[in-house]
PDB file of N, CA and C in Angstrom:
ATOM      1  N   MET A   1       1.075   8.183 -12.351  1.00  0.00           N
ATOM      2  CA  MET A   1       1.196   6.721 -12.122  1.00  0.00           C
ATOM      3  C   MET A   1       0.148   5.980 -12.776  1.00  0.00           C
ATOM      4  N   ASN A   2       0.443   5.069 -13.788  1.00  0.00           N
ATOM      5  CA  ASN A   2      -0.599   4.393 -14.465  1.00  0.00           C
ATOM      6  C   ASN A   2      -0.826   2.944 -13.801  1.00  0.00           C
ATOM      7  N   ILE A   3      -1.503   3.134 -12.443  1.00  0.00           N
ATOM      8  CA  ILE A   3      -1.895   2.187 -11.882  1.00  0.00           C
ATOM      9  C   ILE A   3      -3.564   2.409 -11.429  1.00  0.00           C
ATOM     10  N   ASP A   4      -4.124   1.561 -12.223  1.00  0.00           N
ATOM     11  CA  ASP A   4      -5.682   1.778 -12.221  1.00  0.00           C
ATOM     12  C   ASP A   4      -6.424   0.506 -11.361  1.00  0.00           C
ATOM     13  N   ASN A   5      -5.850  -0.373 -11.197  1.00  0.00           N
ATOM     14  CA  ASN A   5      -6.143  -1.901 -10.343  1.00  0.00           C
ATOM     15  C   ASN A   5      -4.844  -2.186  -9.469  1.00  0.00           C
ATOM     16  N   LEU A   6      -5.206  -2.543  -8.354  1.00  0.00           N
ATOM     17  CA  LEU A   6      -4.085  -2.955  -7.753  1.00  0.00           C
ATOM     18  C   LEU A   6      -3.562  -4.612  -7.932  1.00  0.00           C
ATOM     19  N   VAL A   7      -4.353  -4.853  -8.839  1.00  0.00           N
ATOM     20  CA  VAL A   7      -3.872  -6.484  -9.676  1.00  0.00           C
ATOM     21  C   VAL A   7      -3.117  -6.209 -10.330  1.00  0.00           C
ATOM     22  N   GLN A   8      -2.728  -5.155 -10.559  1.00  0.00           N
ATOM     23  CA  GLN A   8      -1.277  -4.814 -11.597  1.00  0.00           C
ATOM     24  C   GLN A   8      -0.103  -4.803 -10.702  1.00  0.00           C
ATOM     25  N   LEU A   9      -0.024  -4.850  -9.485  1.00  0.00           N
ATOM     26  CA  LEU A   9       0.965  -4.829  -8.788  1.00  0.00           C
ATOM     27  C   LEU A   9       1.221  -6.049  -7.840  1.00  0.00           C
ATOM     28  N   LYS A  10       2.162  -6.532  -7.906  1.00  0.00           N
ATOM     29  CA  LYS A  10       2.552  -7.763  -6.871  1.00  0.00           C
ATOM     30  C   LYS A  10       3.612  -7.413  -5.827  1.00  0.00           C
ATOM     31  N   ARG A  11       3.421  -7.808  -4.679  1.00  0.00           N
ATOM     32  CA  ARG A  11       4.470  -7.538  -3.635  1.00  0.00           C
ATOM     33  C   ARG A  11       5.486  -8.445  -3.797  1.00  0.00           C
ATOM     34  N   LYS A  12       6.502  -8.305  -3.271  1.00  0.00           N
ATOM     35  CA  LYS A  12       7.719  -9.151  -3.712  1.00  0.00           C
ATOM     36  C   LYS A  12       7.563 -10.414  -2.586  1.00  0.00           C
ATOM     37  N   ASP A  13       7.941 -11.503  -3.140  1.00  0.00           N
ATOM     38  CA  ASP A  13       7.483 -12.844  -2.507  1.00  0.00           C
ATOM     39  C   ASP A  13       7.825 -12.938  -1.010  1.00  0.00           C
ATOM     40  N   ASN A  14       9.030 -12.333  -0.440  1.00  0.00           N
ATOM     41  CA  ASN A  14       9.167 -12.381   0.809  1.00  0.00           C
ATOM     42  C   ASN A  14       9.162 -11.366   1.580  1.00  0.00           C
ATOM     43  N   LEU A  15       8.499 -10.131   1.090  1.00  0.00           N
ATOM     44  CA  LEU A  15       7.837  -9.089   1.680  1.00  0.00           C
ATOM     45  C   LEU A  15       6.802  -9.738   2.719  1.00  0.00           C
ATOM     46  N   VAL A  16       7.197  -9.467   4.106  1.00  0.00           N
ATOM     47  CA  VAL A  16       5.925  -9.713   4.731  1.00  0.00           C
ATOM     48  C   VAL A  16       5.660  -8.568   6.061  1.00  0.00           C
ATOM     49  N   ILE A  17       4.642  -8.446   6.368  1.00  0.00           N
ATOM     50  CA  ILE A  17       4.200  -7.536   7.625  1.00  0.00           C
ATOM     51  C   ILE A  17       3.682  -8.072   8.798  1.00  0.00           C
ATOM     52  N   ARG A  18       4.583  -7.176   9.913  1.00  0.00           N
ATOM     53  CA  ARG A  18       4.453  -7.874  11.178  1.00  0.00           C
ATOM     54  C   ARG A  18       3.759  -6.557  12.101  1.00  0.00           C
ATOM     55  N   LYS A  19       3.103  -6.890  12.773  1.00  0.00           N
ATOM     56  CA  LYS A  19       2.384  -6.032  14.054  1.00  0.00           C
ATOM     57  C   LYS A  19       3.048  -6.140  15.223  1.00  0.00           C
ATOM     58  N   LEU A  20       3.638  -5.076  15.810  1.00  0.00           N
ATOM     59  CA  LEU A  20       4.150  -5.388  17.297  1.00  0.00           C
ATOM     60  C   LEU A  20       3.456  -4.250  18.001  1.00  0.00           C
ATOM     61  N   ASP A  21       2.682  -4.537  19.087  1.00  0.00           N
ATOM     62  CA  ASP A  21       1.887  -3.825  19.755  1.00  0.00           C
ATOM     63  C   ASP A  21       1.015  -2.821  18.823  1.00  0.00           C
ATOM     64  N   ASP A  22       1.278  -1.553  18.713  1.00  0.00           N
ATOM     65  CA  ASP A  22       0.157  -0.872  17.279  1.00  0.00           C
ATOM     66  C   ASP A  22       1.214  -0.441  16.139  1.00  0.00           C
ATOM     67  N   VAL A  23       2.065  -0.845  16.140  1.00  0.00           N
ATOM     68  CA  VAL A  23       3.301  -0.507  15.048  1.00  0.00           C
ATOM     69  C   VAL A  23       3.261  -1.671  13.990  1.00  0.00           C
ATOM     70  N   TYR A  24       3.438  -1.212  12.820  1.00  0.00           N
ATOM     71  CA  TYR A  24       3.393  -2.243  11.667  1.00  0.00           C
ATOM     72  C   TYR A  24       4.723  -2.035  11.251  1.00  0.00           C
ATOM     73  N   TYR A  25       5.247  -3.370  10.678  1.00  0.00           N
ATOM     74  CA  TYR A  25       6.724  -3.487  10.005  1.00  0.00           C
ATOM     75  C   TYR A  25       6.584  -4.018   8.695  1.00  0.00           C
ATOM     76  N   LEU A  26       7.343  -3.621   7.598  1.00  0.00           N
ATOM     77  CA  LEU A  26       7.345  -4.481   6.449  1.00  0.00           C
ATOM     78  C   LEU A  26       8.987  -4.824   6.537  1.00  0.00           C
ATOM     79  N   LEU A  27       8.956  -6.334   6.294  1.00  0.00           N
ATOM     80  CA  LEU A  27      10.029  -7.033   6.389  1.00  0.00           C
ATOM     81  C   LEU A  27      10.484  -7.666   5.247  1.00  0.00           C
ATOM     82  N   CYS A  28      11.456  -7.387   4.718  1.00  0.00           N
ATOM     83  CA  CYS A  28      11.917  -7.981   3.348  1.00  0.00           C
ATOM     84  C   CYS A  28      13.529  -8.546   3.398  1.00  0.00           C
ATOM     85  N   GLY A  29      13.870  -9.304   3.522  1.00  0.00           N
ATOM     86  CA  GLY A  29      15.079  -9.686   3.393  1.00  0.00           C
ATOM     87  C   GLY A  29      15.731  -8.903   4.695  1.00  0.00           C
ATOM     88  N   GLN A  30      16.924  -8.210   4.596  1.00  0.00           N
ATOM     89  CA  GLN A  30      17.713  -7.770   5.502  1.00  0.00           C
ATOM     90  C   GLN A  30      16.695  -6.306   5.827  1.00  0.00           C
ATOM     91  N   ASP A  31      16.196  -6.115   5.163  1.00  0.00           N
ATOM     92  CA  ASP A  31      15.139  -4.695   5.244  1.00  0.00           C
ATOM     93  C   ASP A  31      14.103  -4.520   6.090  1.00  0.00           C
ATOM     94  N   ALA A  32      14.040  -3.590   6.889  1.00  0.00           N
ATOM     95  CA  ALA A  32      12.641  -3.505   7.486  1.00  0.00           C
ATOM     96  C   ALA A  32      12.304  -2.090   7.556  1.00  0.00           C
ATOM     97  N   TYR A  33      10.886  -1.708   7.489  1.00  0.00           N
ATOM     98  CA  TYR A  33      10.361  -0.465   7.169  1.00  0.00           C
ATOM     99  C   TYR A  33       9.148  -0.394   8.414  1.00  0.00           C
ATOM    100  N   GLU A  34       9.165   0.625   9.335  1.00  0.00           N
ATOM    101  CA  GLU A  34       8.204   0.784  10.173  1.00  0.00           C
ATOM    102  C   GLU A  34       7.131   1.574   9.260  1.00  0.00           C
ATOM    103  N   VAL A  35       5.797   1.217   9.210  1.00  0.00           N
ATOM    104  CA  VAL A  35       5.027   2.011   8.316  1.00  0.00           C
ATOM    105  C   VAL A  35       3.431   1.891   9.306  1.00  0.00           C
ATOM    106  N   ASN A  36       2.881   2.543   8.667  1.00  0.00           N
ATOM    107  CA  ASN A  36       1.433   3.093   9.817  1.00  0.00           C
ATOM    108  C   ASN A  36       0.328   1.943   9.220  1.00  0.00           C
ATOM    109  N   GLU A  37      -0.780   1.878   9.808  1.00  0.00           N
ATOM    110  CA  GLU A  37      -2.075   0.991   9.589  1.00  0.00           C
ATOM    111  C   GLU A  37      -2.277   1.268   8.037  1.00  0.00           C
ATOM    112  N   THR A  38      -2.355   2.388   7.317  1.00  0.00           N
ATOM    113  CA  THR A  38      -2.741   2.554   6.065  1.00  0.00           C
ATOM    114  C   THR A  38      -1.521   2.158   5.382  1.00  0.00           C
ATOM    115  N   ALA A  39      -0.531   2.094   5.414  1.00  0.00           N
ATOM    116  CA  ALA A  39       0.553   1.659   4.771  1.00  0.00           C
ATOM    117  C   ALA A  39       0.244   0.172   4.533  1.00  0.00           C
ATOM    118  N   ALA A  40       0.025  -0.475   5.848  1.00  0.00           N
ATOM    119  CA  ALA A  40       0.062  -1.961   5.691  1.00  0.00           C
ATOM    120  C   ALA A  40      -1.245  -2.344   5.022  1.00  0.00           C
ATOM    121  N   THR A  41      -2.094  -1.696   5.162  1.00  0.00           N
ATOM    122  CA  THR A  41      -3.528  -1.980   4.245  1.00  0.00           C
ATOM    123  C   THR A  41      -3.190  -1.988   2.919  1.00  0.00           C
ATOM    124  N   ILE A  42      -2.532  -1.153   2.737  1.00  0.00           N
ATOM    125  CA  ILE A  42      -2.246  -0.764   0.847  1.00  0.00           C
ATOM    126  C   ILE A  42      -1.464  -2.142   0.491  1.00  0.00           C
ATOM    127  N   VAL A  43      -0.298  -2.428   1.208  1.00  0.00           N
ATOM    128  CA  VAL A  43       0.598  -3.691   1.109  1.00  0.00           C
ATOM    129  C   VAL A  43      -0.472  -4.762   0.753  1.00  0.00           C
ATOM    130  N   ASN A  44      -1.375  -5.089   1.813  1.00  0.00           N
ATOM    131  CA  ASN A  44      -2.318  -6.324   1.825  1.00  0.00           C
ATOM    132  C   ASN A  44      -3.019  -6.236   0.692  1.00  0.00           C
ATOM    133  N   ALA A  45      -3.302  -5.155  -0.021  1.00  0.00           N
ATOM    134  CA  ALA A  45      -4.177  -5.079  -1.055  1.00  0.00           C
ATOM    135  C   ALA A  45      -3.511  -5.274  -2.263  1.00  0.00           C
ATOM    136  N   LEU A  46      -2.206  -5.358  -2.523  1.00  0.00           N
ATOM    137  CA  LEU A  46      -1.530  -5.410  -3.604  1.00  0.00           C
ATOM    138  C   LEU A  46      -1.675  -6.719  -4.083  1.00  0.00           C
ATOM    139  N   GLY A  47      -1.984  -6.952  -5.690  1.00  0.00           N
ATOM    140  CA  GLY A  47      -2.159  -8.199  -6.358  1.00  0.00           C
ATOM    141  C   GLY A  47      -4.009  -8.405  -6.302  1.00  0.00           C
ATOM    142  N   ARG A  48      -4.482  -7.911  -5.427  1.00  0.00           N
ATOM    143  CA  ARG A  48      -6.061  -8.181  -5.411  1.00  0.00           C
ATOM    144  C   ARG A  48      -6.883  -7.376  -6.668  1.00  0.00           C
ATOM    145  N   ASP A  49      -7.750  -7.782  -7.032  1.00  0.00           N
ATOM    146  CA  ASP A  49      -8.565  -7.079  -8.104  1.00  0.00           C
ATOM    147  C   ASP A  49      -9.278  -5.890  -7.353  1.00  0.00           C
ATOM    148  N   LEU A  50      -8.678  -4.610  -7.348  1.00  0.00           N
ATOM    149  CA  LEU A  50      -9.235  -3.720  -6.268  1.00  0.00           C
ATOM    150  C   LEU A  50      -8.872  -2.393  -7.137  1.00  0.00           C
ATOM    151  N   PRO A  51      -9.799  -2.044  -7.937  1.00  0.00           N
ATOM    152  CA  PRO A  51      -9.425  -0.305  -8.648  1.00  0.00           C
ATOM    153  C   PRO A  51      -9.164   0.620  -7.436  1.00  0.00           C
ATOM    154  N   VAL A  52      -8.264   1.103  -7.906  1.00  0.00           N
ATOM    155  CA  VAL A  52      -7.413   2.327  -7.081  1.00  0.00           C
ATOM    156  C   VAL A  52      -8.850   3.382  -6.393  1.00  0.00           C
ATOM    157  N   ASP A  53      -9.532   3.628  -7.525  1.00  0.00           N
ATOM    158  CA  ASP A  53     -10.645   4.635  -6.994  1.00  0.00           C
ATOM    159  C   ASP A  53     -11.504   4.081  -5.703  1.00  0.00           C
ATOM    160  N   GLU A  54     -11.524   2.858  -5.974  1.00  0.00           N
ATOM    161  CA  GLU A  54     -12.376   2.115  -4.688  1.00  0.00           C
ATOM    162  C   GLU A  54     -11.604   2.190  -3.275  1.00  0.00           C
ATOM    163  N   LEU A  55     -10.146   2.037  -3.773  1.00  0.00           N
ATOM    164  CA  LEU A  55      -9.436   2.066  -2.310  1.00  0.00           C
ATOM    165  C   LEU A  55      -9.293   3.171  -1.777  1.00  0.00           C
ATOM    166  N   TYR A  56      -9.467   4.198  -2.613  1.00  0.00           N
ATOM    167  CA  TYR A  56      -9.629   5.584  -1.998  1.00  0.00           C
ATOM    168  C   TYR A  56     -10.716   5.909  -1.423  1.00  0.00           C
ATOM    169  N   ALA A  57     -11.980   5.493  -1.805  1.00  0.00           N
ATOM    170  CA  ALA A  57     -13.160   5.699  -1.115  1.00  0.00           C
ATOM    171  C   ALA A  57     -12.961   4.758  -0.017  1.00  0.00           C
ATOM    172  N   LYS A  58     -12.483   3.670   0.312  1.00  0.00           N
ATOM    173  CA  LYS A  58     -12.507   2.777   1.321  1.00  0.00           C
ATOM    174  C   LYS A  58     -11.612   3.495   2.414  1.00  0.00           C
ATOM    175  N   LEU A  59     -10.452   3.678   1.953  1.00  0.00           N
ATOM    176  CA  LEU A  59      -9.671   4.347   2.997  1.00  0.00           C
ATOM    177  C   LEU A  59     -10.117   5.821   3.580  1.00  0.00           C
ATOM    178  N   SER A  60     -11.004   6.638   2.804  1.00  0.00           N
ATOM    179  CA  SER A  60     -11.907   7.648   3.031  1.00  0.00           C
ATOM    180  C   SER A  60     -12.754   7.149   4.042  1.00  0.00           C
ATOM    181  N   GLU A  61     -13.540   6.150   3.631  1.00  0.00           N
ATOM    182  CA  GLU A  61     -14.634   5.867   4.890  1.00  0.00           C
ATOM    183  C   GLU A  61     -14.011   5.267   6.231  1.00  0.00           C
ATOM    184  N   LYS A  62     -12.964   4.711   6.052  1.00  0.00           N
ATOM    185  CA  LYS A  62     -12.273   3.940   7.227  1.00  0.00           C
ATOM    186  C   LYS A  62     -11.613   5.020   8.077  1.00  0.00           C
ATOM    187  N   TYR A  63     -10.916   6.106   7.680  1.00  0.00           N
ATOM    188  CA  TYR A  63     -10.574   6.758   8.781  1.00  0.00           C
ATOM    189  C   TYR A  63     -11.536   8.140   8.796  1.00  0.00           C
ATOM    190  N   GLU A  64     -12.547   8.150   8.063  1.00  0.00           N
ATOM    191  CA  GLU A  64     -13.393   9.724   7.834  1.00  0.00           C
ATOM    192  C   GLU A  64     -12.561  10.586   7.758  1.00  0.00           C
ATOM    193  N   PHE A  65     -11.864  10.745   6.594  1.00  0.00           N
ATOM    194  CA  PHE A  65     -11.223  11.619   5.930  1.00  0.00           C
ATOM    195  C   PHE A  65     -12.077  11.857   4.260  1.00  0.00           C
ATOM    196  N   GLY A  66     -12.428  13.061   4.411  1.00  0.00           N
ATOM    197  CA  GLY A  66     -13.005  13.320   2.930  1.00  0.00           C
ATOM    198  C   GLY A  66     -12.082  13.767   1.910  1.00  0.00           C
ATOM    199  N   ASP A  67     -11.257  14.049   2.071  1.00  0.00           N
ATOM    200  CA  ASP A  67     -10.169  14.553   1.097  1.00  0.00           C
ATOM    201  C   ASP A  67      -9.551  13.758   0.058  1.00  0.00           C
ATOM    202  N   LEU A  68     -10.397  12.822  -0.894  1.00  0.00           N
ATOM    203  CA  LEU A  68      -9.868  11.838  -1.787  1.00  0.00           C
ATOM    204  C   LEU A  68      -8.729  12.734  -2.468  1.00  0.00           C
ATOM    205  N   GLU A  69      -8.675  13.693  -2.870  1.00  0.00           N
ATOM    206  CA  GLU A  69      -7.418  14.119  -3.572  1.00  0.00           C
ATOM    207  C   GLU A  69      -6.081  14.146  -2.872  1.00  0.00           C
ATOM    208  N   GLN A  70      -6.177  14.146  -1.434  1.00  0.00           N
ATOM    209  CA  GLN A  70      -4.905  14.143  -0.674  1.00  0.00           C
ATOM    210  C   GLN A  70      -4.659  12.606  -0.296  1.00  0.00           C
ATOM    211  N   ILE A  71      -5.929  11.869  -0.303  1.00  0.00           N
ATOM    212  CA  ILE A  71      -6.039  10.442  -0.181  1.00  0.00           C
ATOM    213  C   ILE A  71      -5.011   9.824  -1.265  1.00  0.00           C
ATOM    214  N   LYS A  72      -5.523  10.200  -2.655  1.00  0.00           N
ATOM    215  CA  LYS A  72      -4.987   9.787  -3.941  1.00  0.00           C
ATOM    216  C   LYS A  72      -3.335   9.954  -4.035  1.00  0.00           C
ATOM    217  N   THR A  73      -3.029  11.302  -3.667  1.00  0.00           N
ATOM    218  CA  THR A  73      -1.857  11.882  -3.594  1.00  0.00           C
ATOM    219  C   THR A  73      -0.924  10.887  -2.655  1.00  0.00           C
ATOM    220  N   ASP A  74      -1.424  10.661  -1.425  1.00  0.00           N
ATOM    221  CA  ASP A  74      -0.867   9.855  -0.622  1.00  0.00           C
ATOM    222  C   ASP A  74      -0.547   8.549  -0.915  1.00  0.00           C
ATOM    223  N   VAL A  75      -1.716   7.671  -1.257  1.00  0.00           N
ATOM    224  CA  VAL A  75      -1.562   6.340  -1.964  1.00  0.00           C
ATOM    225  C   VAL A  75      -0.591   6.240  -3.221  1.00  0.00           C
ATOM    226  N   GLU A  76      -0.664   7.430  -3.977  1.00  0.00           N
ATOM    227  CA  GLU A  76       0.414   7.009  -5.167  1.00  0.00           C
ATOM    228  C   GLU A  76       1.812   7.563  -4.718  1.00  0.00           C
ATOM    229  N   PHE A  77       1.989   8.199  -3.923  1.00  0.00           N
ATOM    230  CA  PHE A  77       3.343   8.484  -3.474  1.00  0.00           C
ATOM    231  C   PHE A  77       3.700   7.083  -2.758  1.00  0.00           C
ATOM    232  N   TYR A  78       2.989   6.451  -1.763  1.00  0.00           N
ATOM    233  CA  TYR A  78       3.236   5.068  -1.460  1.00  0.00           C
ATOM    234  C   TYR A  78       3.473   3.733  -2.209  1.00  0.00           C
ATOM    235  N   LEU A  79       2.539   3.777  -3.257  1.00  0.00           N
ATOM    236  CA  LEU A  79       2.806   2.796  -4.430  1.00  0.00           C
ATOM    237  C   LEU A  79       4.264   2.938  -5.102  1.00  0.00           C
ATOM    238  N   SER A  80       4.316   4.279  -5.468  1.00  0.00           N
ATOM    239  CA  SER A  80       5.912   4.685  -5.909  1.00  0.00           C
ATOM    240  C   SER A  80       7.130   4.273  -4.867  1.00  0.00           C
ATOM    241  N   PHE A  81       6.904   4.493  -3.701  1.00  0.00           N
ATOM    242  CA  PHE A  81       7.689   4.139  -2.914  1.00  0.00           C
ATOM    243  C   PHE A  81       8.359   2.491  -2.894  1.00  0.00           C
ATOM    244  N   LEU A  82       6.903   1.956  -2.844  1.00  0.00           N
ATOM    245  CA  LEU A  82       7.043   0.478  -2.580  1.00  0.00           C
ATOM    246  C   LEU A  82       7.788   0.140  -4.180  1.00  0.00           C
ATOM    247  N   LEU A  83       7.501   0.513  -5.320  1.00  0.00           N
ATOM    248  CA  LEU A  83       8.318   0.082  -6.498  1.00  0.00           C
ATOM    249  C   LEU A  83       9.373   0.525  -6.554  1.00  0.00           C
ATOM    250  N   SER A  84       9.867   1.962  -6.155  1.00  0.00           N
ATOM    251  CA  SER A  84      11.172   2.236  -6.217  1.00  0.00           C
ATOM    252  C   SER A  84      12.169   1.476  -5.131  1.00  0.00           C
ATOM    253  N   GLU A  85      11.551   0.806  -4.007  1.00  0.00           N
ATOM    254  CA  GLU A  85      12.276   0.170  -3.195  1.00  0.00           C
ATOM    255  C   GLU A  85      12.221  -1.451  -3.580  1.00  0.00           C
ATOM    256  N   GLY A  86      11.671  -1.784  -4.415  1.00  0.00           N
ATOM    257  CA  GLY A  86      11.741  -3.051  -4.902  1.00  0.00           C
ATOM    258  C   GLY A  86      10.747  -4.077  -4.248  1.00  0.00           C
ATOM    259  N   LEU A  87       9.836  -3.355  -3.333  1.00  0.00           N
ATOM    260  CA  LEU A  87       8.910  -4.033  -2.473  1.00  0.00           C
ATOM    261  C   LEU A  87       7.478  -4.659  -3.188  1.00  0.00           C
ATOM    262  N   ALA A  88       7.482  -3.869  -4.340  1.00  0.00           N
ATOM    263  CA  ALA A  88       6.232  -4.384  -5.393  1.00  0.00           C
ATOM    264  C   ALA A  88       7.105  -4.132  -6.423  1.00  0.00           C
ATOM    265  N   VAL A  89       6.240  -4.989  -7.443  1.00  0.00           N
ATOM    266  CA  VAL A  89       6.585  -5.110  -8.974  1.00  0.00           C
ATOM    267  C   VAL A  89       5.456  -4.749  -9.878  1.00  0.00           C
ATOM    268  N   ASN A  90       5.361  -3.775 -10.885  1.00  0.00           N
ATOM    269  CA  ASN A  90       4.290  -3.731 -11.723  1.00  0.00           C
ATOM    270  C   ASN A  90       4.308  -4.869 -12.904  1.00  0.00           C
ATOM    271  N   GLU A  91       3.183  -5.346 -12.846  1.00  0.00           N
ATOM    272  CA  GLU A  91       3.102  -6.856 -13.745  1.00  0.00           C
ATOM    273  C   GLU A  91       2.447  -6.320 -14.970  1.00  0.00           C
TER     274      GLU A  91
END
């Protein structure tokens, strides 16, 4: 994936995040996706001037998980999912 900074991605205009109890949902038109807190955090960061390496470090610190390669793999997979579902666009 050729994303170095989340400013390169923009979330779809009608994509919203809602939290009900401890569950997060991405709502976009007729589509709804149940996601975890990490995924909601990533979606909220789209379009911000945030290098992805810094995102990996922040997630590692927040969740006290030191395997940056696993975090990188998971974030890249999720960004690819957002792009493939049309929930985000590469600018």
